[in-house]
Amino acid sequence: MAVTGYDDFKNKGYLGKYISSQEVADGQTDYTGSNYGAAAVVVKTHGGAVLSLAAGGEISASNLTAGVVYEFSLSKVRTASSAVIYVLKQHG
């Protein structure tokens, strides 16, 4: 039986550095538990968003350049409806 689709990734492993992306919802999104794996962020519009790093500290998204991939280990992101932030996840 041939293995196709998701099973290829399950059986052979993931290619590339990031395996999924998620646009951050308004409010607070925690990257722990089933949401674990946030390894990078791309800011389109900062809208006052604040990124919390896994080992402590915060970075205001207004200090980041739009369209650049920033490799941060994130624990949570607090944002407002005017922000457009993408979190990239790694396998693990």
PDB file of N, CA and C in Angstrom:
ATOM      1  N   MET A   1       0.848  -1.180   0.000  1.00  0.00           N
ATOM      2  CA  MET A   1       0.000   0.000   0.000  1.00  0.00           C
ATOM      3  C   MET A   1       0.894   1.245   0.000  1.00  0.00           C
ATOM      4  N   ALA A   2       0.637   2.149  -0.895  1.00  0.00           N
ATOM      5  CA  ALA A   2       1.426   3.388  -0.990  1.00  0.00           C
ATOM      6  C   ALA A   2       1.034   4.349   0.123  1.00  0.00           C
ATOM      7  N   VAL A   3       2.018   5.023   0.663  1.00  0.00           N
ATOM      8  CA  VAL A   3       1.791   6.016   1.706  1.00  0.00           C
ATOM      9  C   VAL A   3       1.765   7.383   1.044  1.00  0.00           C
ATOM     10  N   THR A   4       0.724   8.181   1.297  1.00  0.00           N
ATOM     11  CA  THR A   4       0.591   9.491   0.654  1.00  0.00           C
ATOM     12  C   THR A   4       0.195  10.550   1.658  1.00  0.00           C
ATOM     13  N   GLY A   5       0.242  11.809   1.213  1.00  0.00           N
ATOM     14  CA  GLY A   5      -0.236  12.930   2.015  1.00  0.00           C
ATOM     15  C   GLY A   5       0.476  13.067   3.337  1.00  0.00           C
ATOM     16  N   TYR A   6      -0.281  13.292   4.382  1.00  0.00           N
ATOM     17  CA  TYR A   6       0.274  13.495   5.725  1.00  0.00           C
ATOM     18  C   TYR A   6       1.133  12.325   6.157  1.00  0.00           C
ATOM     19  N   ASP A   7       0.752  11.122   5.764  1.00  0.00           N
ATOM     20  CA  ASP A   7       1.506   9.937   6.175  1.00  0.00           C
ATOM     21  C   ASP A   7       2.954   9.993   5.698  1.00  0.00           C
ATOM     22  N   ASP A   8       3.215  10.635   4.555  1.00  0.00           N
ATOM     23  CA  ASP A   8       4.600  10.795   4.110  1.00  0.00           C
ATOM     24  C   ASP A   8       5.404  11.553   5.155  1.00  0.00           C
ATOM     25  N   PHE A   9       4.843  12.632   5.670  1.00  0.00           N
ATOM     26  CA  PHE A   9       5.534  13.406   6.694  1.00  0.00           C
ATOM     27  C   PHE A   9       5.676  12.611   7.983  1.00  0.00           C
ATOM     28  N   LYS A  10       4.632  11.891   8.325  1.00  0.00           N
ATOM     29  CA  LYS A  10       4.650  11.075   9.538  1.00  0.00           C
ATOM     30  C   LYS A  10       5.704   9.978   9.450  1.00  0.00           C
ATOM     31  N   ASN A  11       5.823   9.354   8.281  1.00  0.00           N
ATOM     32  CA  ASN A  11       6.740   8.231   8.111  1.00  0.00           C
ATOM     33  C   ASN A  11       8.166   8.645   7.766  1.00  0.00           C
ATOM     34  N   LYS A  12       8.333   9.715   7.002  1.00  0.00           N
ATOM     35  CA  LYS A  12       9.650  10.106   6.507  1.00  0.00           C
ATOM     36  C   LYS A  12      10.254  11.298   7.234  1.00  0.00           C
ATOM     37  N   GLY A  13       9.415  12.061   7.904  1.00  0.00           N
ATOM     38  CA  GLY A  13       9.897  13.245   8.603  1.00  0.00           C
ATOM     39  C   GLY A  13       9.552  14.525   7.855  1.00  0.00           C
ATOM     40  N   TYR A  14       9.676  15.626   8.545  1.00  0.00           N
ATOM     41  CA  TYR A  14       9.366  16.932   7.984  1.00  0.00           C
ATOM     42  C   TYR A  14      10.581  17.514   7.296  1.00  0.00           C
ATOM     43  N   LEU A  15      10.371  18.162   6.181  1.00  0.00           N
ATOM     44  CA  LEU A  15      11.419  18.857   5.455  1.00  0.00           C
ATOM     45  C   LEU A  15      11.357  20.334   5.814  1.00  0.00           C
ATOM     46  N   GLY A  16      12.471  21.022   5.719  1.00  0.00           N
ATOM     47  CA  GLY A  16      12.482  22.449   6.003  1.00  0.00           C
ATOM     48  C   GLY A  16      12.544  22.719   7.491  1.00  0.00           C
ATOM     49  N   LYS A  17      12.679  23.972   7.811  1.00  0.00           N
ATOM     50  CA  LYS A  17      12.859  24.385   9.202  1.00  0.00           C
ATOM     51  C   LYS A  17      11.527  24.536   9.943  1.00  0.00           C
ATOM     52  N   TYR A  18      10.515  25.071   9.260  1.00  0.00           N
ATOM     53  CA  TYR A  18       9.216  25.324   9.888  1.00  0.00           C
ATOM     54  C   TYR A  18       8.172  24.427   9.262  1.00  0.00           C
ATOM     55  N   ILE A  19       7.231  23.947  10.075  1.00  0.00           N
ATOM     56  CA  ILE A  19       6.243  22.996   9.568  1.00  0.00           C
ATOM     57  C   ILE A  19       4.835  23.565   9.477  1.00  0.00           C
ATOM     58  N   SER A  20       4.588  24.718  10.127  1.00  0.00           N
ATOM     59  CA  SER A  20       3.256  25.319  10.037  1.00  0.00           C
ATOM     60  C   SER A  20       3.332  26.796  10.398  1.00  0.00           C
ATOM     61  N   SER A  21       2.294  27.507  10.005  1.00  0.00           N
ATOM     62  CA  SER A  21       2.183  28.921  10.375  1.00  0.00           C
ATOM     63  C   SER A  21       0.790  29.174  10.932  1.00  0.00           C
ATOM     64  N   GLN A  22       0.703  30.190  11.772  1.00  0.00           N
ATOM     65  CA  GLN A  22      -0.568  30.536  12.399  1.00  0.00           C
ATOM     66  C   GLN A  22      -0.631  32.046  12.541  1.00  0.00           C
ATOM     67  N   GLU A  23      -1.725  32.638  12.067  1.00  0.00           N
ATOM     68  CA  GLU A  23      -1.927  34.063  12.311  1.00  0.00           C
ATOM     69  C   GLU A  23      -2.419  34.209  13.748  1.00  0.00           C
ATOM     70  N   VAL A  24      -1.800  35.103  14.500  1.00  0.00           N
ATOM     71  CA  VAL A  24      -2.137  35.274  15.912  1.00  0.00           C
ATOM     72  C   VAL A  24      -3.493  35.965  16.029  1.00  0.00           C
ATOM     73  N   ALA A  25      -4.355  35.404  16.849  1.00  0.00           N
ATOM     74  CA  ALA A  25      -5.681  35.970  17.082  1.00  0.00           C
ATOM     75  C   ALA A  25      -5.592  37.180  18.003  1.00  0.00           C
ATOM     76  N   ASP A  26      -6.614  38.013  17.971  1.00  0.00           N
ATOM     77  CA  ASP A  26      -6.710  39.147  18.881  1.00  0.00           C
ATOM     78  C   ASP A  26      -6.739  38.629  20.312  1.00  0.00           C
ATOM     79  N   GLY A  27      -6.063  39.319  21.206  1.00  0.00           N
ATOM     80  CA  GLY A  27      -6.014  38.899  22.606  1.00  0.00           C
ATOM     81  C   GLY A  27      -4.672  38.274  22.917  1.00  0.00           C
ATOM     82  N   GLN A  28      -4.682  37.167  23.638  1.00  0.00           N
ATOM     83  CA  GLN A  28      -3.440  36.487  24.014  1.00  0.00           C
ATOM     84  C   GLN A  28      -3.462  35.053  23.510  1.00  0.00           C
ATOM     85  N   THR A  29      -2.368  34.646  22.900  1.00  0.00           N
ATOM     86  CA  THR A  29      -2.195  33.266  22.470  1.00  0.00           C
ATOM     87  C   THR A  29      -0.979  32.697  23.189  1.00  0.00           C
ATOM     88  N   ASP A  30      -1.167  31.588  23.903  1.00  0.00           N
ATOM     89  CA  ASP A  30      -0.078  30.922  24.619  1.00  0.00           C
ATOM     90  C   ASP A  30       0.483  29.809  23.741  1.00  0.00           C
ATOM     91  N   TYR A  31       1.804  29.691  23.725  1.00  0.00           N
ATOM     92  CA  TYR A  31       2.472  28.664  22.920  1.00  0.00           C
ATOM     93  C   TYR A  31       3.085  27.601  23.823  1.00  0.00           C
ATOM     94  N   THR A  32       2.203  26.960  24.579  1.00  0.00           N
ATOM     95  CA  THR A  32       2.557  25.869  25.475  1.00  0.00           C
ATOM     96  C   THR A  32       1.558  24.738  25.234  1.00  0.00           C
ATOM     97  N   GLY A  33       1.789  23.603  25.847  1.00  0.00           N
ATOM     98  CA  GLY A  33       0.867  22.474  25.700  1.00  0.00           C
ATOM     99  C   GLY A  33       0.726  22.057  24.248  1.00  0.00           C
ATOM    100  N   SER A  34      -0.496  21.896  23.776  1.00  0.00           N
ATOM    101  CA  SER A  34      -0.731  21.455  22.395  1.00  0.00           C
ATOM    102  C   SER A  34      -0.339  22.523  21.380  1.00  0.00           C
ATOM    103  N   ASN A  35      -0.112  23.742  21.832  1.00  0.00           N
ATOM    104  CA  ASN A  35       0.280  24.852  20.954  1.00  0.00           C
ATOM    105  C   ASN A  35       1.800  25.062  20.961  1.00  0.00           C
ATOM    106  N   TYR A  36       2.531  24.147  21.584  1.00  0.00           N
ATOM    107  CA  TYR A  36       3.991  24.238  21.712  1.00  0.00           C
ATOM    108  C   TYR A  36       4.677  24.195  20.346  1.00  0.00           C
ATOM    109  N   GLY A  37       5.800  24.871  20.229  1.00  0.00           N
ATOM    110  CA  GLY A  37       6.617  24.782  19.019  1.00  0.00           C
ATOM    111  C   GLY A  37       6.838  26.092  18.307  1.00  0.00           C
ATOM    112  N   ALA A  38       6.374  27.213  18.890  1.00  0.00           N
ATOM    113  CA  ALA A  38       6.541  28.522  18.257  1.00  0.00           C
ATOM    114  C   ALA A  38       8.014  28.898  18.247  1.00  0.00           C
ATOM    115  N   ALA A  39       8.605  28.920  17.049  1.00  0.00           N
ATOM    116  CA  ALA A  39      10.050  29.103  16.930  1.00  0.00           C
ATOM    117  C   ALA A  39      10.443  30.359  16.175  1.00  0.00           C
ATOM    118  N   ALA A  40       9.470  31.035  15.574  1.00  0.00           N
ATOM    119  CA  ALA A  40       9.784  32.251  14.822  1.00  0.00           C
ATOM    120  C   ALA A  40       8.517  33.072  14.649  1.00  0.00           C
ATOM    121  N   VAL A  41       8.708  34.333  14.290  1.00  0.00           N
ATOM    122  CA  VAL A  41       7.580  35.233  14.106  1.00  0.00           C
ATOM    123  C   VAL A  41       7.857  36.150  12.923  1.00  0.00           C
ATOM    124  N   VAL A  42       6.787  36.488  12.196  1.00  0.00           N
ATOM    125  CA  VAL A  42       6.842  37.476  11.123  1.00  0.00           C
ATOM    126  C   VAL A  42       5.761  38.508  11.429  1.00  0.00           C
ATOM    127  N   VAL A  43       6.150  39.767  11.463  1.00  0.00           N
ATOM    128  CA  VAL A  43       5.212  40.857  11.729  1.00  0.00           C
ATOM    129  C   VAL A  43       4.819  41.493  10.399  1.00  0.00           C
ATOM    130  N   LYS A  44       3.526  41.605  10.149  1.00  0.00           N
ATOM    131  CA  LYS A  44       3.052  42.354   8.981  1.00  0.00           C
ATOM    132  C   LYS A  44       2.712  43.764   9.437  1.00  0.00           C
ATOM    133  N   THR A  45       1.865  43.867  10.477  1.00  0.00           N
ATOM    134  CA  THR A  45       1.580  45.141  11.144  1.00  0.00           C
ATOM    135  C   THR A  45       1.621  44.890  12.640  1.00  0.00           C
ATOM    136  N   HIS A  46       2.317  45.734  13.380  1.00  0.00           N
ATOM    137  CA  HIS A  46       2.553  45.439  14.801  1.00  0.00           C
ATOM    138  C   HIS A  46       1.359  45.713  15.691  1.00  0.00           C
ATOM    139  N   GLY A  47       0.575  46.745  15.441  1.00  0.00           N
ATOM    140  CA  GLY A  47      -0.634  47.002  16.202  1.00  0.00           C
ATOM    141  C   GLY A  47      -0.476  46.945  17.707  1.00  0.00           C
ATOM    142  N   GLY A  48       0.698  47.204  18.214  1.00  0.00           N
ATOM    143  CA  GLY A  48       0.916  47.183  19.660  1.00  0.00           C
ATOM    144  C   GLY A  48       1.131  45.802  20.245  1.00  0.00           C
ATOM    145  N   ALA A  49       1.376  44.800  19.414  1.00  0.00           N
ATOM    146  CA  ALA A  49       1.585  43.435  19.901  1.00  0.00           C
ATOM    147  C   ALA A  49       2.856  43.343  20.741  1.00  0.00           C
ATOM    148  N   VAL A  50       2.840  42.421  21.712  1.00  0.00           N
ATOM    149  CA  VAL A  50       3.988  42.171  22.571  1.00  0.00           C
ATOM    150  C   VAL A  50       4.280  40.671  22.537  1.00  0.00           C
ATOM    151  N   LEU A  51       5.556  40.331  22.288  1.00  0.00           N
ATOM    152  CA  LEU A  51       5.990  38.940  22.219  1.00  0.00           C
ATOM    153  C   LEU A  51       6.704  38.581  23.510  1.00  0.00           C
ATOM    154  N   SER A  52       6.309  37.487  24.139  1.00  0.00           N
ATOM    155  CA  SER A  52       6.965  37.005  25.359  1.00  0.00           C
ATOM    156  C   SER A  52       7.854  35.828  25.004  1.00  0.00           C
ATOM    157  N   LEU A  53       9.121  35.906  25.428  1.00  0.00           N
ATOM    158  CA  LEU A  53      10.082  34.849  25.134  1.00  0.00           C
ATOM    159  C   LEU A  53      10.015  33.749  26.185  1.00  0.00           C
ATOM    160  N   ALA A  54      10.336  32.532  25.781  1.00  0.00           N
ATOM    161  CA  ALA A  54      10.159  31.350  26.625  1.00  0.00           C
ATOM    162  C   ALA A  54      10.938  31.407  27.931  1.00  0.00           C
ATOM    163  N   ALA A  55      12.125  31.969  27.937  1.00  0.00           N
ATOM    164  CA  ALA A  55      12.933  32.012  29.157  1.00  0.00           C
ATOM    165  C   ALA A  55      12.847  33.361  29.860  1.00  0.00           C
ATOM    166  N   GLY A  56      11.927  34.219  29.412  1.00  0.00           N
ATOM    167  CA  GLY A  56      11.713  35.508  30.056  1.00  0.00           C
ATOM    168  C   GLY A  56      11.998  36.676  29.133  1.00  0.00           C
ATOM    169  N   GLY A  57      11.381  37.778  29.438  1.00  0.00           N
ATOM    170  CA  GLY A  57      11.553  38.994  28.662  1.00  0.00           C
ATOM    171  C   GLY A  57      10.476  39.153  27.612  1.00  0.00           C
ATOM    172  N   GLU A  58      10.291  40.399  27.206  1.00  0.00           N
ATOM    173  CA  GLU A  58       9.286  40.730  26.207  1.00  0.00           C
ATOM    174  C   GLU A  58       9.893  41.648  25.148  1.00  0.00           C
ATOM    175  N   ILE A  59       9.326  41.574  23.946  1.00  0.00           N
ATOM    176  CA  ILE A  59       9.732  42.436  22.848  1.00  0.00           C
ATOM    177  C   ILE A  59       8.471  43.015  22.236  1.00  0.00           C
ATOM    178  N   SER A  60       8.441  44.328  22.099  1.00  0.00           N
ATOM    179  CA  SER A  60       7.324  44.972  21.421  1.00  0.00           C
ATOM    180  C   SER A  60       7.478  44.748  19.921  1.00  0.00           C
ATOM    181  N   ALA A  61       6.407  44.322  19.269  1.00  0.00           N
ATOM    182  CA  ALA A  61       6.454  44.081  17.828  1.00  0.00           C
ATOM    183  C   ALA A  61       6.775  45.360  17.055  1.00  0.00           C
ATOM    184  N   SER A  62       6.528  46.513  17.668  1.00  0.00           N
ATOM    185  CA  SER A  62       6.836  47.785  16.999  1.00  0.00           C
ATOM    186  C   SER A  62       8.335  47.966  16.791  1.00  0.00           C
ATOM    187  N   ASN A  63       9.157  47.197  17.497  1.00  0.00           N
ATOM    188  CA  ASN A  63      10.610  47.260  17.338  1.00  0.00           C
ATOM    189  C   ASN A  63      11.125  46.325  16.241  1.00  0.00           C
ATOM    190  N   LEU A  64      10.237  45.570  15.614  1.00  0.00           N
ATOM    191  CA  LEU A  64      10.629  44.606  14.587  1.00  0.00           C
ATOM    192  C   LEU A  64      10.249  45.115  13.201  1.00  0.00           C
ATOM    193  N   THR A  65      11.041  44.754  12.215  1.00  0.00           N
ATOM    194  CA  THR A  65      10.803  45.158  10.832  1.00  0.00           C
ATOM    195  C   THR A  65       9.794  44.218  10.182  1.00  0.00           C
ATOM    196  N   ALA A  66       8.792  44.781   9.532  1.00  0.00           N
ATOM    197  CA  ALA A  66       7.766  43.983   8.858  1.00  0.00           C
ATOM    198  C   ALA A  66       8.391  43.099   7.781  1.00  0.00           C
ATOM    199  N   GLY A  67       7.916  41.863   7.696  1.00  0.00           N
ATOM    200  CA  GLY A  67       8.336  40.942   6.664  1.00  0.00           C
ATOM    201  C   GLY A  67       9.596  40.153   6.953  1.00  0.00           C
ATOM    202  N   VAL A  68      10.235  40.407   8.069  1.00  0.00           N
ATOM    203  CA  VAL A  68      11.461  39.701   8.440  1.00  0.00           C
ATOM    204  C   VAL A  68      11.111  38.527   9.357  1.00  0.00           C
ATOM    205  N   VAL A  69      11.749  37.365   9.133  1.00  0.00           N
ATOM    206  CA  VAL A  69      11.553  36.215  10.018  1.00  0.00           C
ATOM    207  C   VAL A  69      12.505  36.369  11.197  1.00  0.00           C
ATOM    208  N   TYR A  70      11.925  36.452  12.395  1.00  0.00           N
ATOM    209  CA  TYR A  70      12.706  36.542  13.633  1.00  0.00           C
ATOM    210  C   TYR A  70      12.600  35.214  14.361  1.00  0.00           C
ATOM    211  N   GLU A  71      13.718  34.579  14.611  1.00  0.00           N
ATOM    212  CA  GLU A  71      13.722  33.289  15.287  1.00  0.00           C
ATOM    213  C   GLU A  71      13.755  33.505  16.790  1.00  0.00           C
ATOM    214  N   PHE A  72      12.581  33.399  17.400  1.00  0.00           N
ATOM    215  CA  PHE A  72      12.394  33.543  18.838  1.00  0.00           C
ATOM    216  C   PHE A  72      11.683  32.303  19.346  1.00  0.00           C
ATOM    217  N   SER A  73      12.027  31.836  20.532  1.00  0.00           N
ATOM    218  CA  SER A  73      11.266  30.797  21.208  1.00  0.00           C
ATOM    219  C   SER A  73      10.200  31.510  22.023  1.00  0.00           C
ATOM    220  N   LEU A  74       8.960  31.449  21.559  1.00  0.00           N
ATOM    221  CA  LEU A  74       7.873  32.226  22.158  1.00  0.00           C
ATOM    222  C   LEU A  74       7.073  31.421  23.169  1.00  0.00           C
ATOM    223  N   SER A  75       6.682  32.089  24.254  1.00  0.00           N
ATOM    224  CA  SER A  75       5.760  31.472  25.209  1.00  0.00           C
ATOM    225  C   SER A  75       4.350  32.015  25.025  1.00  0.00           C
ATOM    226  N   LYS A  76       4.242  33.290  24.582  1.00  0.00           N
ATOM    227  CA  LYS A  76       2.918  33.861  24.297  1.00  0.00           C
ATOM    228  C   LYS A  76       3.076  35.130  23.482  1.00  0.00           C
ATOM    229  N   VAL A  77       1.963  35.509  22.844  1.00  0.00           N
ATOM    230  CA  VAL A  77       1.883  36.765  22.105  1.00  0.00           C
ATOM    231  C   VAL A  77       0.591  37.447  22.523  1.00  0.00           C
ATOM    232  N   ARG A  78       0.717  38.708  22.937  1.00  0.00           N
ATOM    233  CA  ARG A  78      -0.454  39.537  23.234  1.00  0.00           C
ATOM    234  C   ARG A  78      -0.598  40.527  22.091  1.00  0.00           C
ATOM    235  N   THR A  79      -1.798  40.619  21.541  1.00  0.00           N
ATOM    236  CA  THR A  79      -1.992  41.472  20.369  1.00  0.00           C
ATOM    237  C   THR A  79      -3.354  42.142  20.409  1.00  0.00           C
ATOM    238  N   ALA A  80      -3.536  43.105  19.514  1.00  0.00           N
ATOM    239  CA  ALA A  80      -4.812  43.801  19.345  1.00  0.00           C
ATOM    240  C   ALA A  80      -5.310  43.523  17.933  1.00  0.00           C
ATOM    241  N   SER A  81      -6.556  43.842  17.669  1.00  0.00           N
ATOM    242  CA  SER A  81      -7.166  43.518  16.381  1.00  0.00           C
ATOM    243  C   SER A  81      -6.454  44.174  15.204  1.00  0.00           C
ATOM    244  N   SER A  82      -5.717  45.252  15.432  1.00  0.00           N
ATOM    245  CA  SER A  82      -5.020  45.927  14.335  1.00  0.00           C
ATOM    246  C   SER A  82      -3.694  45.266  13.988  1.00  0.00           C
ATOM    247  N   ALA A  83      -3.244  44.293  14.773  1.00  0.00           N
ATOM    248  CA  ALA A  83      -1.974  43.608  14.520  1.00  0.00           C
ATOM    249  C   ALA A  83      -2.182  42.429  13.579  1.00  0.00           C
ATOM    250  N   VAL A  84      -1.201  42.212  12.711  1.00  0.00           N
ATOM    251  CA  VAL A  84      -1.165  41.002  11.891  1.00  0.00           C
ATOM    252  C   VAL A  84       0.208  40.385  12.125  1.00  0.00           C
ATOM    253  N   ILE A  85       0.218  39.304  12.903  1.00  0.00           N
ATOM    254  CA  ILE A  85       1.437  38.619  13.316  1.00  0.00           C
ATOM    255  C   ILE A  85       1.298  37.147  12.934  1.00  0.00           C
ATOM    256  N   TYR A  86       2.350  36.583  12.337  1.00  0.00           N
ATOM    257  CA  TYR A  86       2.373  35.169  11.987  1.00  0.00           C
ATOM    258  C   TYR A  86       3.429  34.463  12.837  1.00  0.00           C
ATOM    259  N   VAL A  87       3.045  33.362  13.441  1.00  0.00           N
ATOM    260  CA  VAL A  87       3.970  32.540  14.219  1.00  0.00           C
ATOM    261  C   VAL A  87       4.265  31.289  13.401  1.00  0.00           C
ATOM    262  N   LEU A  88       5.548  30.964  13.293  1.00  0.00           N
ATOM    263  CA  LEU A  88       5.989  29.779  12.576  1.00  0.00           C
ATOM    264  C   LEU A  88       6.408  28.722  13.602  1.00  0.00           C
ATOM    265  N   LYS A  89       5.963  27.501  13.366  1.00  0.00           N
ATOM    266  CA  LYS A  89       6.262  26.426  14.313  1.00  0.00           C
ATOM    267  C   LYS A  89       7.233  25.419  13.712  1.00  0.00           C
ATOM    268  N   GLN A  90       8.050  24.844  14.594  1.00  0.00           N
ATOM    269  CA  GLN A  90       8.958  23.770  14.240  1.00  0.00           C
ATOM    270  C   GLN A  90       8.403  22.465  14.778  1.00  0.00           C
ATOM    271  N   HIS A  91       8.850  21.378  14.191  1.00  0.00           N
ATOM    272  CA  HIS A  91       8.465  20.058  14.680  1.00  0.00           C
ATOM    273  C   HIS A  91       9.195  19.761  15.977  1.00  0.00           C
ATOM    274  N   GLY A  92       8.505  19.198  16.952  1.00  0.00           N
ATOM    275  CA  GLY A  92       9.203  18.850  18.162  1.00  0.00           C
ATOM    276  C   GLY A  92       8.414  18.798  19.357  1.00  0.00           C
TER     277      GLY A  92
END
